[in-house]
Amino acid sequence: MEKISIENFHIPRWDELPSVELYLDQVVKLINTTLSPYIFFNNEKQETELLTKTMINNYVKNELIEAPIKKQYAKIQLSKLFVICVLKQVYSMQDIKNLISMALEFAGIEASYNQFCNLFEEALLCTYTRKDFIDKNSSSDNMYLLKSVLLSCSYKIYVQNTTKK
């Protein structure tokens, strides 16, 4: 079994996402290159399957992300695709759509996305180092929900990466 180094895991923050719009092939490559070393798709570690062109087209069709403009995807779509790729490990598309909608009610896309990235990386690190991630006395129901969602995704990634050969 090949051990992964979770300390190196990093999802690009809003300011690290490309400032120019990307074509579909570029989007697929960016997200697969970033996430595939850590996240499985259908219990198999094959980087071409974590995100495909067809999946992106379905996310547009089902209104999880906005349609591209002149076949190009901007930061808003990229950020949502990173979120979708993490959450789809555990949650349905409708759950993901609801969670994104809830997050955007409380903050803008940039702040929500950066918070998602920070907390997901923290959840993964806590899972791998066996530390507590959720403060059960949290005064915010939304923060408790977000951390619970991210912890469930972290647990699945941990199980897949420690049981696969």
N, C-alpha and C. Protein backbone atom coordinates (compact mmCIF):
# COMPACT_ATOMS: atom_id res chain seq x y z
N MET A 1 0.84 -1.19 0.00
CA MET A 1 0.00 0.00 0.00
C MET A 1 0.88 1.25 0.00
N GLU A 2 0.61 2.16 -0.92
CA GLU A 2 1.36 3.40 -1.02
C GLU A 2 0.76 4.43 -0.08
N LYS A 3 1.57 4.91 0.85
CA LYS A 3 1.11 5.92 1.80
C LYS A 3 1.10 7.28 1.12
N ILE A 4 0.04 8.03 1.35
CA ILE A 4 0.01 9.39 0.83
C ILE A 4 0.41 10.34 1.94
N SER A 5 0.96 11.46 1.57
CA SER A 5 1.36 12.48 2.53
C SER A 5 0.29 13.56 2.56
N ILE A 6 -0.55 13.48 3.55
CA ILE A 6 -1.68 14.40 3.64
C ILE A 6 -1.22 15.83 3.92
N GLU A 7 -0.03 15.98 4.49
CA GLU A 7 0.49 17.32 4.77
C GLU A 7 0.69 18.12 3.48
N ASN A 8 0.87 17.44 2.37
CA ASN A 8 1.06 18.11 1.08
C ASN A 8 -0.24 18.44 0.37
N PHE A 9 -1.36 17.97 0.91
CA PHE A 9 -2.65 18.21 0.25
C PHE A 9 -3.01 19.69 0.33
N HIS A 10 -3.36 20.24 -0.82
CA HIS A 10 -3.73 21.65 -0.87
C HIS A 10 -4.70 21.87 -2.02
N ILE A 11 -5.83 22.46 -1.70
CA ILE A 11 -6.76 22.88 -2.74
C ILE A 11 -6.47 24.36 -2.99
N PRO A 12 -6.31 24.75 -4.24
CA PRO A 12 -6.02 26.16 -4.52
C PRO A 12 -7.12 27.07 -3.97
N ARG A 13 -6.68 28.12 -3.28
CA ARG A 13 -7.62 29.11 -2.78
C ARG A 13 -8.07 30.00 -3.93
N TRP A 14 -9.05 30.84 -3.66
CA TRP A 14 -9.63 31.69 -4.69
C TRP A 14 -8.55 32.45 -5.46
N ASP A 15 -7.62 33.07 -4.74
CA ASP A 15 -6.57 33.87 -5.39
C ASP A 15 -5.53 33.01 -6.11
N GLU A 16 -5.52 31.72 -5.84
CA GLU A 16 -4.60 30.80 -6.52
C GLU A 16 -5.21 30.16 -7.76
N LEU A 17 -6.52 30.29 -7.92
CA LEU A 17 -7.17 29.76 -9.12
C LEU A 17 -6.74 30.61 -10.31
N PRO A 18 -6.70 30.02 -11.49
CA PRO A 18 -6.28 30.78 -12.67
C PRO A 18 -7.12 32.05 -12.86
N SER A 19 -6.46 33.14 -13.17
CA SER A 19 -7.17 34.41 -13.37
C SER A 19 -7.76 34.51 -14.77
N VAL A 20 -7.36 33.61 -15.65
CA VAL A 20 -7.94 33.55 -16.99
C VAL A 20 -8.91 32.38 -17.05
N GLU A 21 -9.89 32.51 -17.90
CA GLU A 21 -10.86 31.43 -18.05
C GLU A 21 -10.20 30.23 -18.72
N LEU A 22 -10.68 29.04 -18.36
CA LEU A 22 -10.12 27.80 -18.89
C LEU A 22 -11.14 27.07 -19.76
N TYR A 23 -10.63 26.34 -20.74
CA TYR A 23 -11.48 25.47 -21.54
C TYR A 23 -11.71 24.16 -20.78
N LEU A 24 -12.69 23.42 -21.22
CA LEU A 24 -13.12 22.20 -20.53
C LEU A 24 -11.96 21.24 -20.26
N ASP A 25 -11.14 20.97 -21.26
CA ASP A 25 -9.99 20.07 -21.07
C ASP A 25 -9.05 20.56 -19.97
N GLN A 26 -8.84 21.86 -19.93
CA GLN A 26 -7.95 22.45 -18.92
C GLN A 26 -8.54 22.33 -17.52
N VAL A 27 -9.85 22.50 -17.42
CA VAL A 27 -10.53 22.37 -16.13
C VAL A 27 -10.39 20.95 -15.60
N VAL A 28 -10.66 19.98 -16.46
CA VAL A 28 -10.56 18.57 -16.08
C VAL A 28 -9.15 18.25 -15.61
N LYS A 29 -8.16 18.71 -16.35
CA LYS A 29 -6.77 18.43 -15.99
C LYS A 29 -6.39 19.08 -14.66
N LEU A 30 -6.76 20.33 -14.46
CA LEU A 30 -6.44 21.05 -13.23
C LEU A 30 -7.01 20.33 -12.01
N ILE A 31 -8.27 19.99 -12.06
CA ILE A 31 -8.92 19.39 -10.89
C ILE A 31 -8.42 17.97 -10.66
N ASN A 32 -8.29 17.19 -11.72
CA ASN A 32 -7.78 15.83 -11.54
C ASN A 32 -6.34 15.82 -11.02
N THR A 33 -5.52 16.70 -11.53
CA THR A 33 -4.13 16.77 -11.07
C THR A 33 -4.05 17.13 -9.59
N THR A 34 -4.91 18.03 -9.16
CA THR A 34 -4.91 18.48 -7.77
C THR A 34 -5.47 17.43 -6.81
N LEU A 35 -6.58 16.81 -7.17
CA LEU A 35 -7.30 15.95 -6.22
C LEU A 35 -7.01 14.46 -6.35
N SER A 36 -6.70 13.98 -7.53
CA SER A 36 -6.59 12.54 -7.75
C SER A 36 -5.56 11.81 -6.89
N PRO A 37 -4.45 12.43 -6.50
CA PRO A 37 -3.54 11.68 -5.63
C PRO A 37 -4.15 11.33 -4.27
N TYR A 38 -5.24 12.00 -3.90
CA TYR A 38 -5.81 11.83 -2.57
C TYR A 38 -7.23 11.26 -2.57
N ILE A 39 -7.98 11.55 -3.61
CA ILE A 39 -9.40 11.19 -3.62
C ILE A 39 -9.67 10.16 -4.70
N PHE A 40 -10.43 9.13 -4.33
CA PHE A 40 -10.82 8.07 -5.26
C PHE A 40 -12.12 8.44 -5.94
N PHE A 41 -12.40 7.78 -7.03
CA PHE A 41 -13.71 7.85 -7.64
C PHE A 41 -14.18 6.42 -7.86
N ASN A 42 -15.35 6.10 -7.38
CA ASN A 42 -15.88 4.73 -7.46
C ASN A 42 -14.89 3.72 -6.88
N ASN A 43 -14.25 4.10 -5.79
CA ASN A 43 -13.32 3.24 -5.06
C ASN A 43 -12.09 2.84 -5.86
N GLU A 44 -11.80 3.53 -6.92
CA GLU A 44 -10.60 3.27 -7.71
C GLU A 44 -9.81 4.55 -7.87
N LYS A 45 -8.51 4.45 -7.78
CA LYS A 45 -7.65 5.61 -7.91
C LYS A 45 -7.19 5.73 -9.36
N GLN A 46 -8.03 6.31 -10.18
CA GLN A 46 -7.69 6.53 -11.58
C GLN A 46 -7.99 7.98 -11.89
N GLU A 47 -6.94 8.76 -12.08
CA GLU A 47 -7.11 10.21 -12.15
C GLU A 47 -8.06 10.68 -13.24
N THR A 48 -8.20 9.93 -14.30
CA THR A 48 -9.09 10.39 -15.36
C THR A 48 -10.55 10.23 -14.99
N GLU A 49 -10.85 9.52 -13.95
CA GLU A 49 -12.25 9.29 -13.59
C GLU A 49 -12.79 10.19 -12.49
N LEU A 50 -11.94 10.90 -11.79
CA LEU A 50 -12.44 11.75 -10.71
C LEU A 50 -13.36 12.84 -11.27
N LEU A 51 -12.97 13.42 -12.37
CA LEU A 51 -13.79 14.42 -13.04
C LEU A 51 -13.61 14.26 -14.54
N THR A 52 -14.71 14.21 -15.25
CA THR A 52 -14.67 14.09 -16.71
C THR A 52 -15.47 15.22 -17.34
N LYS A 53 -15.31 15.38 -18.65
CA LYS A 53 -16.08 16.39 -19.38
C LYS A 53 -17.58 16.13 -19.25
N THR A 54 -17.95 14.87 -19.33
CA THR A 54 -19.37 14.51 -19.22
C THR A 54 -19.93 14.91 -17.85
N MET A 55 -19.16 14.67 -16.80
CA MET A 55 -19.61 15.05 -15.46
C MET A 55 -19.84 16.56 -15.38
N ILE A 56 -18.89 17.33 -15.91
CA ILE A 56 -19.04 18.78 -15.87
C ILE A 56 -20.29 19.21 -16.63
N ASN A 57 -20.51 18.63 -17.80
CA ASN A 57 -21.71 18.96 -18.57
C ASN A 57 -22.98 18.62 -17.79
N ASN A 58 -22.96 17.52 -17.05
CA ASN A 58 -24.11 17.16 -16.22
C ASN A 58 -24.30 18.15 -15.06
N TYR A 59 -23.20 18.62 -14.49
CA TYR A 59 -23.30 19.61 -13.40
C TYR A 59 -23.90 20.91 -13.92
N VAL A 60 -23.56 21.29 -15.15
CA VAL A 60 -24.15 22.48 -15.76
C VAL A 60 -25.63 22.24 -16.01
N LYS A 61 -25.95 21.10 -16.60
CA LYS A 61 -27.33 20.76 -16.92
C LYS A 61 -28.21 20.73 -15.67
N ASN A 62 -27.65 20.22 -14.57
CA ASN A 62 -28.40 20.13 -13.31
C ASN A 62 -28.25 21.37 -12.43
N GLU A 63 -27.64 22.41 -12.99
CA GLU A 63 -27.50 23.72 -12.35
C GLU A 63 -26.69 23.70 -11.06
N LEU A 64 -25.71 22.81 -10.97
CA LEU A 64 -24.78 22.86 -9.85
C LEU A 64 -23.71 23.91 -10.10
N ILE A 65 -23.37 24.11 -11.36
CA ILE A 65 -22.46 25.20 -11.74
C ILE A 65 -23.09 25.97 -12.90
N GLU A 66 -22.62 27.19 -13.08
CA GLU A 66 -23.10 28.03 -14.16
C GLU A 66 -22.54 27.53 -15.49
N ALA A 67 -23.27 27.78 -16.55
CA ALA A 67 -22.81 27.41 -17.89
C ALA A 67 -21.57 28.23 -18.25
N PRO A 68 -20.67 27.64 -19.01
CA PRO A 68 -19.48 28.40 -19.43
C PRO A 68 -19.88 29.53 -20.39
N ILE A 69 -19.04 30.55 -20.42
CA ILE A 69 -19.25 31.64 -21.37
C ILE A 69 -18.22 31.47 -22.48
N LYS A 70 -18.70 31.33 -23.70
CA LYS A 70 -17.83 31.07 -24.86
C LYS A 70 -16.94 29.86 -24.61
N LYS A 71 -17.53 28.83 -24.03
CA LYS A 71 -16.86 27.55 -23.75
C LYS A 71 -15.71 27.67 -22.75
N GLN A 72 -15.73 28.73 -21.95
CA GLN A 72 -14.67 28.93 -20.97
C GLN A 72 -15.26 29.02 -19.56
N TYR A 73 -14.50 28.47 -18.62
CA TYR A 73 -14.92 28.40 -17.23
C TYR A 73 -14.09 29.37 -16.39
N ALA A 74 -14.76 30.13 -15.55
CA ALA A 74 -14.11 31.13 -14.71
C ALA A 74 -13.93 30.59 -13.29
N LYS A 75 -13.39 31.44 -12.42
CA LYS A 75 -13.11 31.04 -11.04
C LYS A 75 -14.35 30.50 -10.32
N ILE A 76 -15.50 31.11 -10.57
CA ILE A 76 -16.70 30.68 -9.85
C ILE A 76 -17.02 29.22 -10.17
N GLN A 77 -16.91 28.84 -11.44
CA GLN A 77 -17.17 27.45 -11.80
C GLN A 77 -16.08 26.52 -11.27
N LEU A 78 -14.82 26.95 -11.36
CA LEU A 78 -13.71 26.13 -10.85
C LEU A 78 -13.87 25.87 -9.36
N SER A 79 -14.19 26.91 -8.61
CA SER A 79 -14.33 26.74 -7.16
C SER A 79 -15.45 25.76 -6.84
N LYS A 80 -16.57 25.90 -7.54
CA LYS A 80 -17.68 24.98 -7.29
C LYS A 80 -17.33 23.55 -7.70
N LEU A 81 -16.56 23.39 -8.76
CA LEU A 81 -16.15 22.04 -9.18
C LEU A 81 -15.24 21.38 -8.15
N PHE A 82 -14.33 22.15 -7.55
CA PHE A 82 -13.51 21.58 -6.48
C PHE A 82 -14.39 21.11 -5.33
N VAL A 83 -15.36 21.93 -4.95
CA VAL A 83 -16.27 21.58 -3.86
C VAL A 83 -17.06 20.33 -4.22
N ILE A 84 -17.61 20.29 -5.41
CA ILE A 84 -18.40 19.14 -5.85
C ILE A 84 -17.57 17.87 -5.83
N CYS A 85 -16.34 17.93 -6.32
CA CYS A 85 -15.49 16.74 -6.38
C CYS A 85 -15.17 16.19 -5.00
N VAL A 86 -15.06 17.05 -4.02
CA VAL A 86 -14.83 16.59 -2.65
C VAL A 86 -16.11 16.00 -2.07
N LEU A 87 -17.20 16.73 -2.19
CA LEU A 87 -18.45 16.31 -1.55
C LEU A 87 -19.11 15.11 -2.21
N LYS A 88 -18.89 14.91 -3.50
CA LYS A 88 -19.58 13.81 -4.19
C LYS A 88 -19.08 12.44 -3.72
N GLN A 89 -18.01 12.42 -2.96
CA GLN A 89 -17.52 11.17 -2.40
C GLN A 89 -18.54 10.58 -1.43
N VAL A 90 -19.35 11.45 -0.84
CA VAL A 90 -20.29 11.02 0.20
C VAL A 90 -21.72 11.45 -0.10
N TYR A 91 -21.90 12.60 -0.71
CA TYR A 91 -23.23 13.20 -0.82
C TYR A 91 -23.80 13.16 -2.24
N SER A 92 -25.13 13.19 -2.31
CA SER A 92 -25.83 13.21 -3.60
C SER A 92 -25.70 14.60 -4.22
N MET A 93 -26.00 14.68 -5.49
CA MET A 93 -25.94 15.96 -6.19
C MET A 93 -26.94 16.95 -5.58
N GLN A 94 -28.10 16.48 -5.18
CA GLN A 94 -29.08 17.38 -4.57
C GLN A 94 -28.58 17.89 -3.22
N ASP A 95 -27.96 17.01 -2.43
CA ASP A 95 -27.38 17.44 -1.16
C ASP A 95 -26.31 18.51 -1.40
N ILE A 96 -25.47 18.28 -2.39
CA ILE A 96 -24.39 19.22 -2.70
C ILE A 96 -24.96 20.57 -3.14
N LYS A 97 -25.97 20.51 -3.99
CA LYS A 97 -26.62 21.75 -4.45
C LYS A 97 -27.18 22.53 -3.26
N ASN A 98 -27.82 21.83 -2.33
CA ASN A 98 -28.38 22.47 -1.13
C ASN A 98 -27.28 23.05 -0.25
N LEU A 99 -26.19 22.30 -0.07
CA LEU A 99 -25.09 22.76 0.78
C LEU A 99 -24.42 24.00 0.19
N ILE A 100 -24.20 24.01 -1.11
CA ILE A 100 -23.60 25.18 -1.76
C ILE A 100 -24.52 26.39 -1.61
N SER A 101 -25.80 26.17 -1.84
CA SER A 101 -26.77 27.25 -1.71
C SER A 101 -26.79 27.82 -0.29
N MET A 102 -26.77 26.93 0.70
CA MET A 102 -26.74 27.38 2.10
C MET A 102 -25.50 28.20 2.39
N ALA A 103 -24.36 27.73 1.92
CA ALA A 103 -23.09 28.44 2.18
C ALA A 103 -23.12 29.84 1.57
N LEU A 104 -23.69 29.95 0.39
CA LEU A 104 -23.70 31.24 -0.29
C LEU A 104 -24.72 32.21 0.30
N GLU A 105 -25.64 31.71 1.13
CA GLU A 105 -26.57 32.60 1.83
C GLU A 105 -25.86 33.42 2.89
N PHE A 106 -24.76 32.90 3.43
CA PHE A 106 -24.10 33.54 4.56
C PHE A 106 -22.83 34.29 4.18
N ALA A 107 -22.29 34.02 3.02
CA ALA A 107 -21.06 34.71 2.58
C ALA A 107 -20.97 34.62 1.06
N GLY A 108 -20.14 35.44 0.50
CA GLY A 108 -19.92 35.42 -0.94
C GLY A 108 -19.15 34.19 -1.37
N ILE A 109 -19.06 34.00 -2.66
CA ILE A 109 -18.41 32.80 -3.20
C ILE A 109 -16.94 32.72 -2.79
N GLU A 110 -16.22 33.83 -2.83
CA GLU A 110 -14.79 33.81 -2.51
C GLU A 110 -14.57 33.40 -1.05
N ALA A 111 -15.28 34.04 -0.13
CA ALA A 111 -15.11 33.72 1.30
C ALA A 111 -15.58 32.31 1.60
N SER A 112 -16.71 31.91 1.03
CA SER A 112 -17.23 30.55 1.27
C SER A 112 -16.27 29.49 0.76
N TYR A 113 -15.73 29.71 -0.44
CA TYR A 113 -14.81 28.75 -1.03
C TYR A 113 -13.52 28.64 -0.22
N ASN A 114 -12.95 29.77 0.14
CA ASN A 114 -11.72 29.75 0.93
C ASN A 114 -11.93 29.07 2.28
N GLN A 115 -13.08 29.32 2.90
CA GLN A 115 -13.39 28.66 4.18
C GLN A 115 -13.52 27.15 3.97
N PHE A 116 -14.19 26.75 2.90
CA PHE A 116 -14.32 25.33 2.58
C PHE A 116 -12.94 24.68 2.46
N CYS A 117 -12.06 25.30 1.69
CA CYS A 117 -10.71 24.75 1.49
C CYS A 117 -9.95 24.64 2.80
N ASN A 118 -9.95 25.71 3.58
CA ASN A 118 -9.24 25.70 4.86
C ASN A 118 -9.76 24.62 5.79
N LEU A 119 -11.08 24.54 5.91
CA LEU A 119 -11.67 23.57 6.83
C LEU A 119 -11.51 22.14 6.33
N PHE A 120 -11.59 21.93 5.01
CA PHE A 120 -11.42 20.57 4.50
C PHE A 120 -10.00 20.08 4.73
N GLU A 121 -9.03 20.92 4.47
CA GLU A 121 -7.64 20.53 4.72
C GLU A 121 -7.41 20.25 6.20
N GLU A 122 -8.02 21.07 7.06
CA GLU A 122 -7.91 20.84 8.50
C GLU A 122 -8.59 19.53 8.90
N ALA A 123 -9.76 19.25 8.33
CA ALA A 123 -10.49 18.01 8.63
C ALA A 123 -9.66 16.80 8.22
N LEU A 124 -9.06 16.85 7.05
CA LEU A 124 -8.21 15.74 6.60
C LEU A 124 -7.03 15.53 7.54
N LEU A 125 -6.37 16.61 7.89
CA LEU A 125 -5.22 16.51 8.78
C LEU A 125 -5.62 15.96 10.14
N CYS A 126 -6.74 16.43 10.67
CA CYS A 126 -7.23 15.92 11.96
C CYS A 126 -7.59 14.44 11.87
N THR A 127 -8.18 14.03 10.77
CA THR A 127 -8.54 12.63 10.58
C THR A 127 -7.29 11.76 10.55
N TYR A 128 -6.30 12.17 9.79
CA TYR A 128 -5.07 11.37 9.65
C TYR A 128 -4.22 11.38 10.91
N THR A 129 -4.32 12.44 11.71
CA THR A 129 -3.51 12.53 12.93
C THR A 129 -4.33 12.20 14.18
N ARG A 130 -5.57 11.78 13.96
CA ARG A 130 -6.47 11.35 15.05
C ARG A 130 -6.70 12.43 16.09
N LYS A 131 -6.96 13.62 15.60
CA LYS A 131 -7.26 14.75 16.48
C LYS A 131 -8.71 15.17 16.28
N ASP A 132 -9.27 15.83 17.28
CA ASP A 132 -10.64 16.33 17.18
C ASP A 132 -10.71 17.47 16.18
N PHE A 133 -11.79 17.49 15.42
CA PHE A 133 -11.99 18.54 14.43
C PHE A 133 -13.21 19.39 14.78
N ILE A 134 -14.24 18.75 15.29
CA ILE A 134 -15.50 19.45 15.56
C ILE A 134 -15.58 19.82 17.03
N ASP A 135 -15.85 21.10 17.27
CA ASP A 135 -16.12 21.57 18.62
C ASP A 135 -17.61 21.37 18.85
N LYS A 136 -17.94 20.41 19.67
CA LYS A 136 -19.35 20.07 19.88
C LYS A 136 -20.13 21.18 20.58
N ASN A 137 -19.43 22.15 21.13
CA ASN A 137 -20.10 23.28 21.79
C ASN A 137 -20.19 24.49 20.88
N SER A 138 -19.98 24.29 19.61
CA SER A 138 -20.02 25.40 18.65
C SER A 138 -21.37 26.11 18.72
N SER A 139 -21.31 27.42 18.73
CA SER A 139 -22.55 28.20 18.81
C SER A 139 -23.24 28.33 17.46
N SER A 140 -22.53 28.03 16.40
CA SER A 140 -23.09 28.18 15.06
C SER A 140 -23.51 26.83 14.49
N ASP A 141 -24.80 26.70 14.21
CA ASP A 141 -25.31 25.47 13.60
C ASP A 141 -24.72 25.27 12.20
N ASN A 142 -24.54 26.36 11.47
CA ASN A 142 -24.00 26.26 10.11
C ASN A 142 -22.55 25.76 10.13
N MET A 143 -21.76 26.25 11.08
CA MET A 143 -20.37 25.80 11.17
C MET A 143 -20.32 24.33 11.58
N TYR A 144 -21.19 23.94 12.49
CA TYR A 144 -21.25 22.54 12.92
C TYR A 144 -21.62 21.65 11.73
N LEU A 145 -22.59 22.09 10.94
CA LEU A 145 -23.00 21.33 9.75
C LEU A 145 -21.84 21.22 8.75
N LEU A 146 -21.20 22.33 8.45
CA LEU A 146 -20.09 22.33 7.50
C LEU A 146 -18.98 21.40 7.96
N LYS A 147 -18.61 21.50 9.22
CA LYS A 147 -17.54 20.65 9.74
C LYS A 147 -17.95 19.17 9.72
N SER A 148 -19.21 18.89 10.00
CA SER A 148 -19.69 17.50 9.96
C SER A 148 -19.62 16.94 8.54
N VAL A 149 -20.02 17.75 7.57
CA VAL A 149 -19.96 17.35 6.17
C VAL A 149 -18.52 17.06 5.76
N LEU A 150 -17.62 17.97 6.10
CA LEU A 150 -16.21 17.81 5.70
C LEU A 150 -15.55 16.65 6.42
N LEU A 151 -15.94 16.42 7.65
CA LEU A 151 -15.38 15.30 8.39
C LEU A 151 -15.82 13.97 7.78
N SER A 152 -17.07 13.88 7.35
CA SER A 152 -17.54 12.64 6.72
C SER A 152 -16.77 12.37 5.43
N CYS A 153 -16.49 13.40 4.66
CA CYS A 153 -15.68 13.23 3.44
C CYS A 153 -14.26 12.82 3.79
N SER A 154 -13.71 13.42 4.83
CA SER A 154 -12.35 13.08 5.27
C SER A 154 -12.26 11.63 5.72
N TYR A 155 -13.27 11.16 6.44
CA TYR A 155 -13.27 9.77 6.88
C TYR A 155 -13.27 8.82 5.68
N LYS A 156 -14.08 9.13 4.67
CA LYS A 156 -14.13 8.26 3.51
C LYS A 156 -12.77 8.23 2.79
N ILE A 157 -12.15 9.38 2.63
CA ILE A 157 -10.83 9.44 1.99
C ILE A 157 -9.81 8.66 2.81
N TYR A 158 -9.88 8.81 4.11
CA TYR A 158 -8.95 8.09 4.99
C TYR A 158 -9.11 6.57 4.83
N VAL A 159 -10.35 6.11 4.87
CA VAL A 159 -10.61 4.67 4.73
C VAL A 159 -10.11 4.17 3.38
N GLN A 160 -10.42 4.88 2.32
CA GLN A 160 -9.99 4.44 0.98
C GLN A 160 -8.48 4.41 0.85
N ASN A 161 -7.81 5.39 1.42
CA ASN A 161 -6.36 5.46 1.28
C ASN A 161 -5.62 4.51 2.21
N THR A 162 -6.27 4.04 3.25
CA THR A 162 -5.58 3.11 4.16
C THR A 162 -5.95 1.66 3.89
N THR A 163 -6.99 1.42 3.11
CA THR A 163 -7.38 0.03 2.83
C THR A 163 -7.05 -0.41 1.41
N LYS A 164 -6.73 0.52 0.52
CA LYS A 164 -6.41 0.16 -0.87
C LYS A 164 -4.96 -0.23 -0.99
N LYS A 165 -4.71 -1.19 -1.85
CA LYS A 165 -3.33 -1.64 -2.10
C LYS A 165 -2.82 -1.08 -3.39
